[in-house]
Structures are given as structure tokens and as C-alpha cells.
Amino acid sequence: MIYIDDGKIVLLVLDCSMDGVICEVKGGGVLGGNKNVKLPSGKHEHMPVLTHQDQEDLQKLISSEEVHYVAVPYAVRKRDI
């Protein structure tokens, strides 16, 4: 199962390949921007912790000298920190 937006949208994974994932919607809803996605344990080890956009945004914030700390809420591996 894949849970989106704190479980408001639930997907059953039918097939998974390097090209994508085929799912059946078990619990639907309106999908807006910036929603969280929860994957089963161990299924996200190849996903980056920071997206390219996250890295760009972080670089701008660090340059502004207004950042005191950065938290990584879903660190899985040592290299994620």
C-alpha cells in the first residue's frame, strides 16, 4: 500500500518496474501539491532525501544567513544526514 496526504488517499500497488508503478485506488480524494507519501518499510531506499528543488531552496536559504538549522525528518541511511 502507498498512503498519500496522511492516508487520505490509499493506493494498492499492482505492479512495479523501473518505468513506474501501477496502482489501484482504494481510497480516493483530491490530490493537491506538497502532499506527503508513505511507502512500506524498506521500499524507499533508492529515493533521495532531498529533491533537486529542495537542494536549490536550501542553498538560497543558507546564502541568506537566516537559517539556524536544517532538519531531515525521514532520514533512513547515514548518508541522508
PDB file of N, CA and C in Angstrom:
ATOM      1  N   MET A   1       0.829  -1.172   0.000  1.00  0.00           N
ATOM      2  CA  MET A   1       0.000   0.000   0.000  1.00  0.00           C
ATOM      3  C   MET A   1       0.880   1.244   0.000  1.00  0.00           C
ATOM      4  N   ILE A   2       0.388   2.257  -0.643  1.00  0.00           N
ATOM      5  CA  ILE A   2       1.009   3.574  -0.607  1.00  0.00           C
ATOM      6  C   ILE A   2      -0.037   4.530  -0.048  1.00  0.00           C
ATOM      7  N   TYR A   3       0.380   5.332   0.925  1.00  0.00           N
ATOM      8  CA  TYR A   3      -0.525   6.286   1.561  1.00  0.00           C
ATOM      9  C   TYR A   3      -0.085   7.696   1.206  1.00  0.00           C
ATOM     10  N   ILE A   4      -1.029   8.519   0.734  1.00  0.00           N
ATOM     11  CA  ILE A   4      -0.743   9.892   0.334  1.00  0.00           C
ATOM     12  C   ILE A   4      -1.580  10.832   1.186  1.00  0.00           C
ATOM     13  N   ASP A   5      -0.987  11.984   1.520  1.00  0.00           N
ATOM     14  CA  ASP A   5      -1.683  13.022   2.290  1.00  0.00           C
ATOM     15  C   ASP A   5      -2.208  12.466   3.610  1.00  0.00           C
ATOM     16  N   ASP A   6      -1.291  11.926   4.410  1.00  0.00           N
ATOM     17  CA  ASP A   6      -1.630  11.375   5.736  1.00  0.00           C
ATOM     18  C   ASP A   6      -2.692  10.282   5.671  1.00  0.00           C
ATOM     19  N   GLY A   7      -2.676   9.490   4.596  1.00  0.00           N
ATOM     20  CA  GLY A   7      -3.588   8.360   4.472  1.00  0.00           C
ATOM     21  C   GLY A   7      -4.947   8.697   3.902  1.00  0.00           C
ATOM     22  N   LYS A   8      -5.161   9.941   3.481  1.00  0.00           N
ATOM     23  CA  LYS A   8      -6.457  10.300   2.890  1.00  0.00           C
ATOM     24  C   LYS A   8      -6.647   9.632   1.538  1.00  0.00           C
ATOM     25  N   ILE A   9      -5.530   9.368   0.852  1.00  0.00           N
ATOM     26  CA  ILE A   9      -5.570   8.643  -0.424  1.00  0.00           C
ATOM     27  C   ILE A   9      -4.765   7.366  -0.232  1.00  0.00           C
ATOM     28  N   VAL A  10      -5.336   6.226  -0.578  1.00  0.00           N
ATOM     29  CA  VAL A  10      -4.692   4.929  -0.387  1.00  0.00           C
ATOM     30  C   VAL A  10      -4.609   4.218  -1.731  1.00  0.00           C
ATOM     31  N   LEU A  11      -3.404   3.760  -2.073  1.00  0.00           N
ATOM     32  CA  LEU A  11      -3.178   3.049  -3.331  1.00  0.00           C
ATOM     33  C   LEU A  11      -2.679   1.642  -3.059  1.00  0.00           C
ATOM     34  N   LEU A  12      -3.219   0.686  -3.777  1.00  0.00           N
ATOM     35  CA  LEU A  12      -2.746  -0.694  -3.726  1.00  0.00           C
ATOM     36  C   LEU A  12      -1.824  -0.892  -4.919  1.00  0.00           C
ATOM     37  N   VAL A  13      -0.584  -1.280  -4.687  1.00  0.00           N
ATOM     38  CA  VAL A  13       0.387  -1.475  -5.759  1.00  0.00           C
ATOM     39  C   VAL A  13       0.108  -2.802  -6.450  1.00  0.00           C
ATOM     40  N   LEU A  14      -0.144  -2.738  -7.761  1.00  0.00           N
ATOM     41  CA  LEU A  14      -0.402  -3.934  -8.556  1.00  0.00           C
ATOM     42  C   LEU A  14       0.844  -4.414  -9.274  1.00  0.00           C
ATOM     43  N   ASP A  15       1.671  -3.459  -9.721  1.00  0.00           N
ATOM     44  CA  ASP A  15       2.893  -3.806 -10.450  1.00  0.00           C
ATOM     45  C   ASP A  15       3.897  -2.680 -10.269  1.00  0.00           C
ATOM     46  N   CYS A  16       5.165  -3.040 -10.227  1.00  0.00           N
ATOM     47  CA  CYS A  16       6.225  -2.056 -10.026  1.00  0.00           C
ATOM     48  C   CYS A  16       7.405  -2.420 -10.921  1.00  0.00           C
ATOM     49  N   SER A  17       7.911  -1.428 -11.660  1.00  0.00           N
ATOM     50  CA  SER A  17       9.081  -1.645 -12.512  1.00  0.00           C
ATOM     51  C   SER A  17       9.915  -0.375 -12.518  1.00  0.00           C
ATOM     52  N   MET A  18      11.016  -0.389 -13.248  1.00  0.00           N
ATOM     53  CA  MET A  18      11.858   0.802 -13.356  1.00  0.00           C
ATOM     54  C   MET A  18      11.134   1.924 -14.098  1.00  0.00           C
ATOM     55  N   ASP A  19      10.112   1.589 -14.864  1.00  0.00           N
ATOM     56  CA  ASP A  19       9.365   2.586 -15.635  1.00  0.00           C
ATOM     57  C   ASP A  19       8.268   3.270 -14.821  1.00  0.00           C
ATOM     58  N   GLY A  20       7.843   2.659 -13.728  1.00  0.00           N
ATOM     59  CA  GLY A  20       6.788   3.256 -12.933  1.00  0.00           C
ATOM     60  C   GLY A  20       6.072   2.240 -12.081  1.00  0.00           C
ATOM     61  N   VAL A  21       4.973   2.672 -11.513  1.00  0.00           N
ATOM     62  CA  VAL A  21       4.179   1.838 -10.621  1.00  0.00           C
ATOM     63  C   VAL A  21       2.726   1.880 -11.082  1.00  0.00           C
ATOM     64  N   ILE A  22       2.084   0.723 -11.121  1.00  0.00           N
ATOM     65  CA  ILE A  22       0.660   0.646 -11.452  1.00  0.00           C
ATOM     66  C   ILE A  22      -0.085   0.362 -10.158  1.00  0.00           C
ATOM     67  N   CYS A  23      -1.047   1.223  -9.860  1.00  0.00           N
ATOM     68  CA  CYS A  23      -1.785   1.113  -8.601  1.00  0.00           C
ATOM     69  C   CYS A  23      -3.280   1.120  -8.837  1.00  0.00           C
ATOM     70  N   GLU A  24      -3.993   0.553  -7.887  1.00  0.00           N
ATOM     71  CA  GLU A  24      -5.451   0.651  -7.833  1.00  0.00           C
ATOM     72  C   GLU A  24      -5.796   1.559  -6.666  1.00  0.00           C
ATOM     73  N   VAL A  25      -6.639   2.529  -6.906  1.00  0.00           N
ATOM     74  CA  VAL A  25      -7.026   3.463  -5.855  1.00  0.00           C
ATOM     75  C   VAL A  25      -8.043   2.787  -4.949  1.00  0.00           C
ATOM     76  N   LYS A  26      -7.689   2.652  -3.682  1.00  0.00           N
ATOM     77  CA  LYS A  26      -8.583   2.032  -2.701  1.00  0.00           C
ATOM     78  C   LYS A  26      -9.355   3.080  -1.916  1.00  0.00           C
ATOM     79  N   GLY A  27      -8.758   4.216  -1.728  1.00  0.00           N
ATOM     80  CA  GLY A  27      -9.405   5.327  -1.041  1.00  0.00           C
ATOM     81  C   GLY A  27      -8.996   6.600  -1.734  1.00  0.00           C
ATOM     82  N   GLY A  28      -9.914   7.224  -2.417  1.00  0.00           N
ATOM     83  CA  GLY A  28      -9.571   8.378  -3.240  1.00  0.00           C
ATOM     84  C   GLY A  28      -9.820   9.704  -2.562  1.00  0.00           C
ATOM     85  N   GLY A  29      -9.431  10.731  -3.268  1.00  0.00           N
ATOM     86  CA  GLY A  29      -9.603  12.092  -2.786  1.00  0.00           C
ATOM     87  C   GLY A  29      -8.962  13.048  -3.767  1.00  0.00           C
ATOM     88  N   VAL A  30      -8.978  14.307  -3.436  1.00  0.00           N
ATOM     89  CA  VAL A  30      -8.362  15.322  -4.276  1.00  0.00           C
ATOM     90  C   VAL A  30      -6.889  15.425  -3.903  1.00  0.00           C
ATOM     91  N   LEU A  31      -6.020  15.284  -4.885  1.00  0.00           N
ATOM     92  CA  LEU A  31      -4.584  15.331  -4.650  1.00  0.00           C
ATOM     93  C   LEU A  31      -4.068  16.711  -5.009  1.00  0.00           C
ATOM     94  N   GLY A  32      -3.628  17.446  -4.013  1.00  0.00           N
ATOM     95  CA  GLY A  32      -3.064  18.771  -4.224  1.00  0.00           C
ATOM     96  C   GLY A  32      -1.549  18.703  -4.190  1.00  0.00           C
ATOM     97  N   GLY A  33      -0.926  19.845  -4.231  1.00  0.00           N
ATOM     98  CA  GLY A  33       0.528  19.908  -4.199  1.00  0.00           C
ATOM     99  C   GLY A  33       1.090  19.727  -2.800  1.00  0.00           C
ATOM    100  N   ASN A  34       2.350  19.375  -2.738  1.00  0.00           N
ATOM    101  CA  ASN A  34       3.098  19.266  -1.483  1.00  0.00           C
ATOM    102  C   ASN A  34       2.475  18.308  -0.474  1.00  0.00           C
ATOM    103  N   LYS A  35       2.005  17.158  -0.938  1.00  0.00           N
ATOM    104  CA  LYS A  35       1.428  16.151  -0.039  1.00  0.00           C
ATOM    105  C   LYS A  35       2.476  15.091   0.266  1.00  0.00           C
ATOM    106  N   ASN A  36       2.431  14.540   1.479  1.00  0.00           N
ATOM    107  CA  ASN A  36       3.391  13.507   1.841  1.00  0.00           C
ATOM    108  C   ASN A  36       2.979  12.163   1.252  1.00  0.00           C
ATOM    109  N   VAL A  37       3.982  11.298   1.101  1.00  0.00           N
ATOM    110  CA  VAL A  37       3.773   9.947   0.584  1.00  0.00           C
ATOM    111  C   VAL A  37       4.450   8.988   1.545  1.00  0.00           C
ATOM    112  N   LYS A  38       3.701   7.988   2.021  1.00  0.00           N
ATOM    113  CA  LYS A  38       4.273   6.979   2.913  1.00  0.00           C
ATOM    114  C   LYS A  38       4.355   5.669   2.161  1.00  0.00           C
ATOM    115  N   LEU A  39       5.568   5.149   2.060  1.00  0.00           N
ATOM    116  CA  LEU A  39       5.816   3.875   1.386  1.00  0.00           C
ATOM    117  C   LEU A  39       6.088   2.802   2.437  1.00  0.00           C
ATOM    118  N   PRO A  40       5.871   1.539   2.077  1.00  0.00           N
ATOM    119  CA  PRO A  40       6.177   0.456   3.019  1.00  0.00           C
ATOM    120  C   PRO A  40       7.650   0.482   3.422  1.00  0.00           C
ATOM    121  N   SER A  41       7.962   0.029   4.613  1.00  0.00           N
ATOM    122  CA  SER A  41       9.341  -0.001   5.100  1.00  0.00           C
ATOM    123  C   SER A  41      10.252  -0.708   4.108  1.00  0.00           C
ATOM    124  N   GLY A  42      11.429  -0.104   3.913  1.00  0.00           N
ATOM    125  CA  GLY A  42      12.428  -0.704   3.046  1.00  0.00           C
ATOM    126  C   GLY A  42      12.205  -0.477   1.565  1.00  0.00           C
ATOM    127  N   LYS A  43      11.102   0.107   1.176  1.00  0.00           N
ATOM    128  CA  LYS A  43      10.804   0.291  -0.243  1.00  0.00           C
ATOM    129  C   LYS A  43      11.286   1.646  -0.769  1.00  0.00           C
ATOM    130  N   HIS A  44      11.872   2.468   0.081  1.00  0.00           N
ATOM    131  CA  HIS A  44      12.250   3.806  -0.330  1.00  0.00           C
ATOM    132  C   HIS A  44      13.754   4.039  -0.269  1.00  0.00           C
ATOM    133  N   GLU A  45      14.548   2.975  -0.196  1.00  0.00           N
ATOM    134  CA  GLU A  45      15.984   3.168  -0.022  1.00  0.00           C
ATOM    135  C   GLU A  45      16.661   3.834  -1.220  1.00  0.00           C
ATOM    136  N   HIS A  46      16.032   3.827  -2.383  1.00  0.00           N
ATOM    137  CA  HIS A  46      16.648   4.430  -3.563  1.00  0.00           C
ATOM    138  C   HIS A  46      16.125   5.836  -3.835  1.00  0.00           C
ATOM    139  N   MET A  47      15.241   6.322  -2.994  1.00  0.00           N
ATOM    140  CA  MET A  47      14.693   7.661  -3.178  1.00  0.00           C
ATOM    141  C   MET A  47      15.588   8.684  -2.494  1.00  0.00           C
ATOM    142  N   PRO A  48      15.832   9.818  -3.133  1.00  0.00           N
ATOM    143  CA  PRO A  48      16.658  10.839  -2.492  1.00  0.00           C
ATOM    144  C   PRO A  48      15.908  11.504  -1.344  1.00  0.00           C
ATOM    145  N   VAL A  49      16.627  11.876  -0.302  1.00  0.00           N
ATOM    146  CA  VAL A  49      16.019  12.562   0.824  1.00  0.00           C
ATOM    147  C   VAL A  49      15.639  13.979   0.414  1.00  0.00           C
ATOM    148  N   LEU A  50      16.523  14.639  -0.343  1.00  0.00           N
ATOM    149  CA  LEU A  50      16.262  15.974  -0.844  1.00  0.00           C
ATOM    150  C   LEU A  50      16.109  15.942  -2.357  1.00  0.00           C
ATOM    151  N   THR A  51      15.058  16.541  -2.847  1.00  0.00           N
ATOM    152  CA  THR A  51      14.886  16.660  -4.298  1.00  0.00           C
ATOM    153  C   THR A  51      15.804  17.766  -4.805  1.00  0.00           C
ATOM    154  N   HIS A  52      15.925  17.867  -6.114  1.00  0.00           N
ATOM    155  CA  HIS A  52      16.727  18.926  -6.714  1.00  0.00           C
ATOM    156  C   HIS A  52      16.191  20.289  -6.269  1.00  0.00           C
ATOM    157  N   GLN A  53      14.864  20.435  -6.252  1.00  0.00           N
ATOM    158  CA  GLN A  53      14.251  21.692  -5.819  1.00  0.00           C
ATOM    159  C   GLN A  53      14.557  21.974  -4.352  1.00  0.00           C
ATOM    160  N   ASP A  54      14.525  20.937  -3.508  1.00  0.00           N
ATOM    161  CA  ASP A  54      14.877  21.108  -2.094  1.00  0.00           C
ATOM    162  C   ASP A  54      16.300  21.640  -1.961  1.00  0.00           C
ATOM    163  N   GLN A  55      17.216  21.070  -2.741  1.00  0.00           N
ATOM    164  CA  GLN A  55      18.616  21.483  -2.680  1.00  0.00           C
ATOM    165  C   GLN A  55      18.786  22.936  -3.105  1.00  0.00           C
ATOM    166  N   GLU A  56      18.087  23.341  -4.171  1.00  0.00           N
ATOM    167  CA  GLU A  56      18.154  24.731  -4.626  1.00  0.00           C
ATOM    168  C   GLU A  56      17.599  25.673  -3.560  1.00  0.00           C
ATOM    169  N   ASP A  57      16.443  25.328  -2.992  1.00  0.00           N
ATOM    170  CA  ASP A  57      15.832  26.155  -1.956  1.00  0.00           C
ATOM    171  C   ASP A  57      16.735  26.265  -0.731  1.00  0.00           C
ATOM    172  N   LEU A  58      17.322  25.153  -0.344  1.00  0.00           N
ATOM    173  CA  LEU A  58      18.209  25.138   0.821  1.00  0.00           C
ATOM    174  C   LEU A  58      19.438  26.008   0.580  1.00  0.00           C
ATOM    175  N   GLN A  59      19.982  25.935  -0.619  1.00  0.00           N
ATOM    176  CA  GLN A  59      21.155  26.750  -0.958  1.00  0.00           C
ATOM    177  C   GLN A  59      20.829  28.242  -0.844  1.00  0.00           C
ATOM    178  N   LYS A  60      19.645  28.648  -1.326  1.00  0.00           N
ATOM    179  CA  LYS A  60      19.222  30.053  -1.226  1.00  0.00           C
ATOM    180  C   LYS A  60      19.072  30.469   0.235  1.00  0.00           C
ATOM    181  N   LEU A  61      18.465  29.608   1.056  1.00  0.00           N
ATOM    182  CA  LEU A  61      18.279  29.924   2.469  1.00  0.00           C
ATOM    183  C   LEU A  61      19.614  30.048   3.198  1.00  0.00           C
ATOM    184  N   ILE A  62      20.531  29.146   2.903  1.00  0.00           N
ATOM    185  CA  ILE A  62      21.837  29.186   3.553  1.00  0.00           C
ATOM    186  C   ILE A  62      22.572  30.464   3.163  1.00  0.00           C
ATOM    187  N   SER A  63      22.458  30.876   1.901  1.00  0.00           N
ATOM    188  CA  SER A  63      23.095  32.105   1.433  1.00  0.00           C
ATOM    189  C   SER A  63      22.542  33.327   2.151  1.00  0.00           C
ATOM    190  N   SER A  64      21.272  33.278   2.538  1.00  0.00           N
ATOM    191  CA  SER A  64      20.641  34.420   3.192  1.00  0.00           C
ATOM    192  C   SER A  64      21.079  34.568   4.650  1.00  0.00           C
ATOM    193  N   GLU A  65      21.750  33.580   5.184  1.00  0.00           N
ATOM    194  CA  GLU A  65      22.252  33.558   6.559  1.00  0.00           C
ATOM    195  C   GLU A  65      21.136  33.655   7.600  1.00  0.00           C
ATOM    196  N   GLU A  66      19.924  33.292   7.218  1.00  0.00           N
ATOM    197  CA  GLU A  66      18.817  33.311   8.164  1.00  0.00           C
ATOM    198  C   GLU A  66      18.461  31.914   8.660  1.00  0.00           C
ATOM    199  N   VAL A  67      19.208  30.909   8.254  1.00  0.00           N
ATOM    200  CA  VAL A  67      18.943  29.532   8.658  1.00  0.00           C
ATOM    201  C   VAL A  67      19.814  29.189   9.855  1.00  0.00           C
ATOM    202  N   HIS A  68      19.189  28.691  10.911  1.00  0.00           N
ATOM    203  CA  HIS A  68      19.922  28.295  12.109  1.00  0.00           C
ATOM    204  C   HIS A  68      20.171  26.797  12.144  1.00  0.00           C
ATOM    205  N   TYR A  69      19.257  26.027  11.561  1.00  0.00           N
ATOM    206  CA  TYR A  69      19.443  24.584  11.469  1.00  0.00           C
ATOM    207  C   TYR A  69      18.511  24.033  10.387  1.00  0.00           C
ATOM    208  N   VAL A  70      18.834  22.825   9.923  1.00  0.00           N
ATOM    209  CA  VAL A  70      18.010  22.132   8.930  1.00  0.00           C
ATOM    210  C   VAL A  70      17.707  20.752   9.490  1.00  0.00           C
ATOM    211  N   ALA A  71      16.454  20.358   9.480  1.00  0.00           N
ATOM    212  CA  ALA A  71      16.052  19.039   9.981  1.00  0.00           C
ATOM    213  C   ALA A  71      15.679  18.145   8.805  1.00  0.00           C
ATOM    214  N   VAL A  72      16.091  16.912   8.860  1.00  0.00           N
ATOM    215  CA  VAL A  72      15.741  15.918   7.849  1.00  0.00           C
ATOM    216  C   VAL A  72      14.813  14.920   8.530  1.00  0.00           C
ATOM    217  N   PRO A  73      13.484  15.038   8.320  1.00  0.00           N
ATOM    218  CA  PRO A  73      12.541  14.232   9.082  1.00  0.00           C
ATOM    219  C   PRO A  73      12.496  12.752   8.718  1.00  0.00           C
ATOM    220  N   TYR A  74      12.910  12.388   7.513  1.00  0.00           N
ATOM    221  CA  TYR A  74      12.781  10.988   7.109  1.00  0.00           C
ATOM    222  C   TYR A  74      14.119  10.398   6.711  1.00  0.00           C
ATOM    223  N   ALA A  75      15.152  10.671   7.471  1.00  0.00           N
ATOM    224  CA  ALA A  75      16.463  10.088   7.198  1.00  0.00           C
ATOM    225  C   ALA A  75      16.397   8.588   7.471  1.00  0.00           C
ATOM    226  N   VAL A  76      16.880   7.809   6.523  1.00  0.00           N
ATOM    227  CA  VAL A  76      16.855   6.353   6.648  1.00  0.00           C
ATOM    228  C   VAL A  76      18.273   5.812   6.772  1.00  0.00           C
ATOM    229  N   ARG A  77      19.205   6.420   6.019  1.00  0.00           N
ATOM    230  CA  ARG A  77      20.585   5.941   5.991  1.00  0.00           C
ATOM    231  C   ARG A  77      21.518   7.006   6.557  1.00  0.00           C
ATOM    232  N   LYS A  78      22.725   6.627   6.931  1.00  0.00           N
ATOM    233  CA  LYS A  78      23.713   7.572   7.451  1.00  0.00           C
ATOM    234  C   LYS A  78      23.954   8.691   6.451  1.00  0.00           C
ATOM    235  N   ARG A  79      24.028   8.361   5.167  1.00  0.00           N
ATOM    236  CA  ARG A  79      24.342   9.361   4.147  1.00  0.00           C
ATOM    237  C   ARG A  79      23.204  10.375   3.940  1.00  0.00           C
ATOM    238  N   ASP A  80      22.031  10.117   4.513  1.00  0.00           N
ATOM    239  CA  ASP A  80      20.922  11.058   4.399  1.00  0.00           C
ATOM    240  C   ASP A  80      21.124  12.298   5.261  1.00  0.00           C
ATOM    241  N   ILE A  81      22.003  12.202   6.229  1.00  0.00           N
ATOM    242  CA  ILE A  81      22.225  13.316   7.148  1.00  0.00           C
ATOM    243  C   ILE A  81      23.237  14.291   6.587  1.00  0.00           C
TER     244      ILE A  81
END
